[in-house]
Structure formats: structure tokens, C-alpha cells
Amino acid sequence: MIRLEHVSKQFTVKGAAVPALTDINLAVEPGEIFGIIGHSGAGKSTLIRCINLLERPTEGRVLVGGTDLTSLPERELQASRRKIGMIFQHFNLLSSATVADNIAFPLRLAKRPKEEIDRRVSELVQLVGLEEQRNKYPAQLSGGQKQRVGIARALAADPQVLLCDEATSALDPQTTASILALLKDINRRFGLTIVLITHEMHVIRQVCDRLAVIQAGRIVESGPVLDVFLRPQHPTTREFIEQVEESAELRDTLEREKAAGKRNIIRLTFVGEKTYEPVLFETMRETGTSFAILQGTISRMKDTPYGQLVVNLDGTPAQIKETARLLQSRGVEVETL
């Protein structure tokens, strides 16, 4: 659906070339939610704006739906852009237009018939849950309602791709959760391909299928969210995972336990339905090993449940070795800390 091939972007600042993106290669599959995460200034906003050529790459190709956007003349590029919707961090709504008129705006620009516009607006205000707000102005709406208007407007022309530029960064946690749930629903209902950039790992964890981590204009790690989250390879990725893992607290706990002479500390990772099964209890009963839980979480990676436990094992070296072997044979990841 979306392919970026050796994309680089430079800006000229005071006569000097400043690289923003360097040799970016990405593939986003049809119907998936793909996350791009990075710190401020890493290049993620430039990257997403290269997908619809709001920023034209200095080098490389951008293909959407098999069409090389970088090779199109301006008129054909404008037509292709109608297949790519975009929502923004600060909403970018027309302050003097009602909710309905904001949603209708791209359809009017495309000179669609009035009957079609009215029908489409009615469908979209219902989809995003704003039937009672359709005649209100942006100043009368909450942040979450404004973003719902932005989503509806982006969907007005029935795009194949939806780009989300820090779409939840200006929202409180509860509103963020509701917007992410709406995006998941739209993705499932219409098979819409969504590319989402953020600096918050919990956003990636809630809705994305795959992700790429960007640092200093380069992709430093990518893959399925579950794999990257549970087995991060790059220091930047680990930093983001600490946002949701409370790793600093875990480090303090490990230091205290080791100072007390406890050396058999392991992290267990359960994925899927094993998260809810008594695998640990049954294994410990078989091997005669006891344990103390130092930290534990159960959560979801989009639709996949997973759990992590950090435990201190108590038993003979042979018992502990057998415990680790049995847990691994039962599909539990075991990491010695």
C-alpha cells in the first residue's frame, strides 16, 4: 500500500543543507495501523508529510497504492492526495464554520453534488458520534470533539490511507483512549490503512500492528509491535518502553533484592491466552521451587493480551534450572535479570 524507498529530505538553513531524513525505507501493508515513534526533532513529522508530498523528498521515491507520487505532475498529484486523509495535533479546523461545514469542506472543494455532500456529512457525524454537535462551532467543542471533527473531515473523500500527525498529543488520557478506540473501529470497519506518528509508546501499544522507531532522521528499529516491545534492540526503543514499564522502579527493586543476597531473579513473559493460565504455579509445584513476585503487569498489545512477572526463585540450582526449562517448553519467555 505505502512504500518509501531510500527517502531523504534536506532543508536549507542559512545557506547550509540540514538533513531531516536519511535513507528511509518503509513498507506499510494494506489495512494495517502502522506507528512511527520518535522524540521531538527526530524527523517523524517530516516523514509523515513526505507520504502525501506535503514535503517533497530530496531523494527517493514514495509509492501509495502502487502509484509513484514523486513522479506525478502537480494536477495528478492533487488527485492522488484525495485518496490520503490527514488529521493533525491541533485540529486545523475552520473556526467560522460549523462541524457539518468543516466536514463538508473537502467535498465542496472537489465540487461534489450537494445531495452527496449532505448524505456524506450525515454519515460521518454519526460515525464519530457528533450528531448533537453538527451545528456547533469549534469554539463550542472539547478537544476530543474537535479531533473527531478532524477525523470525519479526513474521511469525507473516502480515502484509502489516513495519516495521523500526533493526533492525540493535545488530549488528556481518557480522551486519547476514546480517539484511539475510534481509529481502531474505523480501521476494522473500513479496512483503512492508518499511519500514526507519536512520541508516546502507550499509543503504539494500544492500536498499532507494526512500528518503526526513528532517531536523528533514521529508522533504527522496526517490526511487529509485540516483538519490538518485548525484545527491543535499540537504546531509543528501550527509552520509549520505559514510559509504560516503569523500568526505573524495577531497577531500584532489583538493586535492593541483590543487595539482600537474592540472585535468582528472572523476568517471565506470557503472550496470548497463556497470560491467564496458571503456568507458573503448576511449574513451581512440579519442581518444588518457591517464588516471590517483585513486579507484575497484565496488559494488551492492541488485541493480544500479554503479562510480565519479575520473580525471585528459591530452590537448589538444579530446581531453578529445571523450572526455567519447563517454563520455556510451555511457551513462556524466561530472561535472567
Protein backbone atom coordinates (compact mmCIF):
# COMPACT_ATOMS: atom_id res chain seq x y z
CA MET A 1 0.00 0.00 0.00
CA ILE A 2 2.72 2.52 1.04
CA ARG A 3 6.40 2.19 0.19
CA LEU A 4 9.18 4.63 0.90
CA GLU A 5 12.34 3.78 -0.99
CA HIS A 6 15.61 5.45 0.04
CA VAL A 7 13.81 8.65 1.02
CA SER A 8 15.98 11.52 2.22
CA LYS A 9 14.97 15.10 2.99
CA GLN A 10 17.17 18.13 3.49
CA PHE A 11 16.24 21.67 4.48
CA THR A 12 18.35 24.70 3.74
CA VAL A 13 19.06 26.80 6.84
CA LYS A 14 21.15 29.96 6.42
CA GLY A 15 22.57 28.60 3.19
CA ALA A 16 23.55 25.23 4.67
CA ALA A 17 21.92 21.87 3.96
CA VAL A 18 20.45 20.33 7.14
CA PRO A 19 19.39 16.65 6.87
CA ALA A 20 15.97 15.84 8.32
CA LEU A 21 15.60 12.29 6.93
CA THR A 22 18.32 9.93 5.72
CA ASP A 23 17.75 6.85 3.53
CA ILE A 24 14.31 5.90 4.88
CA ASN A 25 12.93 2.55 3.68
CA LEU A 26 9.46 1.58 4.91
CA ALA A 27 6.59 -0.61 3.74
CA VAL A 28 3.08 -0.27 5.17
CA GLU A 29 0.71 -3.10 4.34
CA PRO A 30 -2.92 -2.54 3.25
CA GLY A 31 -5.33 -2.35 6.17
CA GLU A 32 -2.77 -2.16 8.97
CA ILE A 33 -2.17 0.51 11.59
CA PHE A 34 1.50 1.42 11.36
CA GLY A 35 3.11 3.52 14.10
CA ILE A 36 6.14 5.77 13.81
CA ILE A 37 7.61 6.80 17.16
CA GLY A 38 10.40 9.22 17.92
CA HIS A 39 11.47 12.05 20.17
CA SER A 40 10.83 15.69 19.26
CA GLY A 41 13.05 16.66 16.35
CA ALA A 42 13.69 13.05 15.27
CA GLY A 43 12.05 13.64 11.88
CA LYS A 44 8.74 11.84 12.31
CA SER A 45 6.53 14.78 11.23
CA THR A 46 8.71 15.36 8.18
CA LEU A 47 8.44 11.66 7.39
CA ILE A 48 4.65 11.53 7.51
CA ARG A 49 4.40 14.71 5.42
CA CYS A 50 6.61 13.06 2.80
CA ILE A 51 4.00 10.32 2.39
CA ASN A 52 1.49 12.74 0.84
CA LEU A 53 4.25 15.02 -0.51
CA LEU A 54 3.34 18.00 1.63
CA GLU A 55 7.12 17.78 1.96
CA ARG A 56 8.78 16.65 -1.25
CA PRO A 57 11.74 14.31 -0.61
CA THR A 58 15.16 15.49 -1.69
CA GLU A 59 15.90 11.92 -2.80
CA GLY A 60 13.99 8.65 -3.10
CA ARG A 61 10.52 7.52 -4.10
CA VAL A 62 7.14 7.47 -2.35
CA LEU A 63 4.58 4.98 -3.66
CA VAL A 64 0.97 4.85 -2.44
CA GLY A 65 -1.32 2.20 -3.88
CA GLY A 66 1.28 1.39 -6.50
CA THR A 67 1.50 5.00 -7.76
CA ASP A 68 4.84 6.79 -7.56
CA LEU A 69 3.73 10.15 -6.15
CA THR A 70 7.19 11.64 -6.60
CA SER A 71 6.90 11.26 -10.38
CA LEU A 72 3.45 12.85 -10.80
CA PRO A 73 2.82 16.31 -12.25
CA GLU A 74 1.01 18.70 -9.89
CA ARG A 75 -2.53 18.13 -11.19
CA GLU A 76 -2.26 14.35 -10.92
CA LEU A 77 -0.62 14.67 -7.52
CA GLN A 78 -3.58 16.72 -6.27
CA ALA A 79 -5.95 13.97 -7.44
CA SER A 80 -3.86 11.28 -5.70
CA ARG A 81 -3.78 13.29 -2.47
CA ARG A 82 -7.58 12.98 -2.24
CA LYS A 83 -7.00 9.29 -1.51
CA ILE A 84 -4.90 10.25 1.53
CA GLY A 85 -6.67 11.81 4.53
CA MET A 86 -4.76 13.56 7.31
CA ILE A 87 -5.51 14.62 10.88
CA PHE A 88 -3.39 16.96 12.95
CA GLN A 89 -2.33 17.53 16.54
CA HIS A 90 -4.02 20.94 16.76
CA PHE A 91 -7.09 20.00 14.68
CA ASN A 92 -6.73 22.74 11.98
CA LEU A 93 -10.49 23.38 11.87
CA LEU A 94 -12.16 26.39 10.25
CA SER A 95 -13.18 28.48 13.27
CA SER A 96 -16.02 30.26 11.44
CA ALA A 97 -17.57 27.05 10.10
CA THR A 98 -19.86 24.62 11.90
CA VAL A 99 -19.00 20.98 12.49
CA ALA A 100 -21.03 19.99 9.42
CA ASP A 101 -19.39 22.65 7.25
CA ASN A 102 -15.89 21.65 8.39
CA ILE A 103 -16.61 18.06 7.38
CA ALA A 104 -18.13 19.16 4.08
CA PHE A 105 -15.22 21.46 3.20
CA PRO A 106 -13.08 18.96 1.18
CA LEU A 107 -16.18 17.73 -0.66
CA ARG A 108 -17.07 21.26 -1.68
CA LEU A 109 -13.52 21.84 -2.87
CA ALA A 110 -13.94 18.72 -5.03
CA LYS A 111 -17.24 20.17 -6.36
CA ARG A 112 -19.34 17.19 -5.27
CA PRO A 113 -23.15 17.48 -5.66
CA LYS A 114 -24.99 18.99 -2.68
CA GLU A 115 -27.06 15.84 -2.14
CA GLU A 116 -23.91 13.73 -1.94
CA ILE A 117 -22.28 16.19 0.47
CA ASP A 118 -25.32 16.25 2.78
CA ARG A 119 -25.54 12.46 2.81
CA ARG A 120 -21.82 12.02 3.48
CA VAL A 121 -21.79 14.59 6.29
CA SER A 122 -24.72 12.86 7.97
CA GLU A 123 -22.93 9.50 7.75
CA LEU A 124 -19.74 10.91 9.21
CA VAL A 125 -21.19 12.85 12.14
CA GLN A 126 -22.91 9.63 13.14
CA LEU A 127 -19.71 7.61 12.69
CA VAL A 128 -17.70 9.89 15.01
CA GLY A 129 -20.55 10.42 17.50
CA LEU A 130 -21.22 14.13 16.90
CA GLU A 131 -24.86 14.14 15.80
CA GLU A 132 -25.79 16.61 18.54
CA GLN A 133 -22.86 18.90 17.73
CA ARG A 134 -23.23 19.14 13.95
CA ASN A 135 -24.39 22.78 14.05
CA LYS A 136 -21.90 23.95 16.68
CA TYR A 137 -18.66 25.85 16.04
CA PRO A 138 -15.16 24.67 17.04
CA ALA A 139 -15.02 27.13 19.96
CA GLN A 140 -18.00 25.30 21.49
CA LEU A 141 -16.32 21.88 21.36
CA SER A 142 -13.95 19.99 23.66
CA GLY A 143 -10.54 18.89 22.41
CA GLY A 144 -11.76 15.36 21.83
CA GLN A 145 -14.79 16.58 19.88
CA LYS A 146 -12.57 18.79 17.73
CA GLN A 147 -10.38 15.81 16.90
CA ARG A 148 -13.48 13.80 15.99
CA VAL A 149 -14.39 16.57 13.55
CA GLY A 150 -10.85 16.36 12.14
CA ILE A 151 -11.21 12.60 11.68
CA ALA A 152 -14.58 12.96 9.98
CA ARG A 153 -13.23 15.66 7.65
CA ALA A 154 -10.24 13.46 6.76
CA LEU A 155 -12.63 10.60 5.91
CA ALA A 156 -15.01 12.76 3.85
CA ALA A 157 -13.49 11.93 0.46
CA ASP A 158 -13.38 8.19 1.28
CA PRO A 159 -9.56 7.92 1.34
CA GLN A 160 -7.53 4.72 1.18
CA VAL A 161 -4.96 5.99 3.71
CA LEU A 162 -5.29 8.04 6.90
CA LEU A 163 -2.23 9.88 8.22
CA CYS A 164 -2.30 10.89 11.90
CA ASP A 165 0.22 13.58 12.87
CA GLU A 166 0.45 13.43 16.70
CA ALA A 167 -3.34 13.16 16.70
CA THR A 168 -3.66 12.57 20.47
CA SER A 169 -0.78 14.65 21.86
CA ALA A 170 -3.00 17.60 22.81
CA LEU A 171 -5.58 15.40 24.58
CA ASP A 172 -5.95 14.10 28.12
CA PRO A 173 -5.52 10.33 28.72
CA GLN A 174 -9.23 9.49 28.81
CA THR A 175 -9.94 11.41 25.60
CA THR A 176 -6.85 9.88 23.99
CA ALA A 177 -8.23 6.41 24.73
CA SER A 178 -11.57 7.27 23.11
CA ILE A 179 -9.90 8.68 19.96
CA LEU A 180 -7.67 5.60 19.65
CA ALA A 181 -10.73 3.36 20.05
CA LEU A 182 -12.42 5.31 17.25
CA LEU A 183 -9.39 4.89 14.97
CA LYS A 184 -9.32 1.13 15.68
CA ASP A 185 -13.03 0.91 14.86
CA ILE A 186 -12.56 2.81 11.59
CA ASN A 187 -9.62 0.59 10.67
CA ARG A 188 -11.61 -2.59 11.28
CA ARG A 189 -14.84 -1.39 9.73
CA PHE A 190 -13.42 0.01 6.50
CA GLY A 191 -10.03 -1.71 6.19
CA LEU A 192 -8.45 1.73 6.13
CA THR A 193 -4.65 1.86 6.21
CA ILE A 194 -3.53 4.17 9.03
CA VAL A 195 -0.08 5.65 9.62
CA LEU A 196 0.23 7.19 13.06
CA ILE A 197 3.14 9.18 14.47
CA THR A 198 3.60 9.78 18.18
CA HIS A 199 6.15 10.16 20.96
CA GLU A 200 4.07 8.01 23.33
CA MET A 201 4.65 4.26 23.45
CA HIS A 202 1.28 3.57 25.09
CA VAL A 203 -0.41 4.92 21.93
CA ILE A 204 1.60 2.49 19.79
CA ARG A 205 0.82 -0.36 22.17
CA GLN A 206 -2.94 0.27 22.10
CA VAL A 207 -3.62 0.41 18.38
CA CYS A 208 -0.66 -0.42 16.11
CA ASP A 209 0.16 -3.64 14.31
CA ARG A 210 3.74 -2.72 13.42
CA LEU A 211 6.02 0.20 14.21
CA ALA A 212 9.21 1.95 13.23
CA VAL A 213 11.44 3.86 15.65
CA ILE A 214 13.05 6.99 14.21
CA GLN A 215 16.08 8.72 15.68
CA ALA A 216 18.00 11.64 14.13
CA GLY A 217 16.24 11.15 10.81
CA ARG A 218 16.97 7.42 10.51
CA ILE A 219 14.89 4.31 11.18
CA VAL A 220 16.76 2.50 13.96
CA GLU A 221 14.32 -0.36 14.60
CA SER A 222 11.10 -1.72 13.14
CA GLY A 223 8.85 -4.75 13.26
CA PRO A 224 5.62 -6.11 14.77
CA VAL A 225 4.72 -4.18 17.92
CA LEU A 226 4.71 -7.26 20.14
CA ASP A 227 8.19 -8.33 19.01
CA VAL A 228 9.72 -4.87 19.32
CA PHE A 229 8.07 -4.18 22.66
CA LEU A 230 9.12 -7.45 24.28
CA ARG A 231 12.57 -7.65 22.65
CA PRO A 232 13.81 -4.10 21.98
CA GLN A 233 17.21 -3.88 20.30
CA HIS A 234 18.00 -0.15 20.16
CA PRO A 235 18.56 2.16 23.17
CA THR A 236 15.97 4.64 21.85
CA THR A 237 13.36 1.89 21.70
CA ARG A 238 14.17 0.89 25.28
CA GLU A 239 13.69 4.50 26.38
CA PHE A 240 10.19 4.56 24.95
CA ILE A 241 9.30 1.21 26.50
CA GLU A 242 10.32 2.58 29.90
CA GLN A 243 7.38 5.01 29.53
CA VAL A 244 4.98 2.13 30.11
CA GLU A 245 7.13 -0.38 32.02
CA GLU A 246 8.26 1.74 34.99
CA SER A 247 11.76 0.31 34.47
CA ALA A 248 13.37 2.81 36.86
CA GLU A 249 11.25 1.42 39.69
CA LEU A 250 12.18 -2.11 38.63
CA ARG A 251 15.89 -1.26 38.68
CA ASP A 252 15.56 0.03 42.24
CA THR A 253 13.79 -3.18 43.24
CA LEU A 254 16.48 -5.35 41.64
CA GLU A 255 19.24 -3.45 43.40
CA ARG A 256 17.54 -3.93 46.78
CA GLU A 257 16.94 -7.64 46.19
CA LYS A 258 20.50 -8.28 45.02
CA ALA A 259 21.90 -6.34 47.98
CA ALA A 260 19.88 -8.71 50.18
CA GLY A 261 21.62 -11.66 48.55
CA LYS A 262 18.81 -12.73 46.20
CA ARG A 263 20.40 -13.76 42.90
CA ASN A 264 17.81 -15.95 41.13
CA ILE A 265 15.71 -13.13 39.68
CA ILE A 266 14.01 -13.73 36.33
CA ARG A 267 11.50 -11.95 34.09
CA LEU A 268 8.71 -14.13 32.69
CA THR A 269 6.73 -13.02 29.63
CA PHE A 270 3.36 -14.62 28.85
CA VAL A 271 1.73 -13.91 25.46
CA GLY A 272 -1.83 -14.68 24.37
CA GLU A 273 -4.12 -16.92 26.40
CA LYS A 274 -1.18 -18.20 28.49
CA THR A 275 -1.39 -14.82 30.22
CA TYR A 276 -4.48 -16.08 32.06
CA GLU A 277 -3.36 -19.68 32.69
CA PRO A 278 -1.72 -20.97 35.93
CA VAL A 279 1.50 -21.92 34.11
CA LEU A 280 3.83 -20.51 36.78
CA PHE A 281 2.02 -22.12 39.71
CA GLU A 282 1.88 -25.54 38.03
CA THR A 283 5.57 -25.41 37.06
CA MET A 284 6.67 -24.44 40.57
CA ARG A 285 4.57 -27.22 42.06
CA GLU A 286 6.24 -29.76 39.75
CA THR A 287 9.79 -28.65 40.53
CA GLY A 288 9.32 -27.89 44.22
CA THR A 289 10.55 -24.33 43.72
CA SER A 290 9.03 -21.34 45.51
CA PHE A 291 8.98 -17.75 44.32
CA ALA A 292 8.30 -14.18 45.36
CA ILE A 293 6.76 -11.70 42.89
CA LEU A 294 8.76 -8.46 42.70
CA GLN A 295 6.78 -6.80 39.92
CA GLY A 296 3.94 -7.80 37.62
CA THR A 297 1.73 -6.40 34.86
CA ILE A 298 -1.03 -7.68 32.61
CA SER A 299 -1.94 -5.60 29.60
CA ARG A 300 -2.79 -5.81 25.91
CA MET A 301 -0.80 -5.12 22.77
CA LYS A 302 -3.66 -3.99 20.54
CA ASP A 303 -5.74 -7.23 20.59
CA THR A 304 -3.12 -9.55 22.12
CA PRO A 305 -3.00 -10.00 25.90
CA TYR A 306 0.40 -10.28 27.50
CA GLY A 307 1.77 -10.40 31.01
CA GLN A 308 5.18 -9.91 32.59
CA LEU A 309 6.28 -11.07 36.02
CA VAL A 310 9.60 -10.42 37.71
CA VAL A 311 10.13 -13.09 40.35
CA ASN A 312 12.83 -14.24 42.74
CA LEU A 313 13.16 -18.04 42.69
CA ASP A 314 14.05 -20.02 45.79
CA GLY A 315 15.43 -23.55 45.34
CA THR A 316 18.51 -25.56 44.52
CA PRO A 317 20.45 -24.75 41.32
CA ALA A 318 19.06 -27.93 39.74
CA GLN A 319 15.48 -26.99 40.67
CA ILE A 320 15.86 -23.49 39.30
CA LYS A 321 17.39 -24.74 36.03
CA GLU A 322 14.55 -27.25 35.60
CA THR A 323 11.96 -24.56 36.38
CA ALA A 324 13.35 -22.31 33.62
CA ARG A 325 13.43 -25.23 31.17
CA LEU A 326 9.82 -26.22 31.85
CA LEU A 327 8.54 -22.66 31.60
CA GLN A 328 10.25 -22.21 28.22
CA SER A 329 8.85 -25.52 26.99
CA ARG A 330 5.38 -24.20 27.88
CA GLY A 331 5.75 -21.08 25.77
CA VAL A 332 6.89 -18.65 28.46
CA GLU A 333 9.87 -16.41 27.74
CA VAL A 334 12.45 -16.52 30.54
CA GLU A 335 15.06 -13.79 30.99
CA THR A 336 17.59 -13.83 33.81
CA LEU A 337 17.97 -10.41 35.40
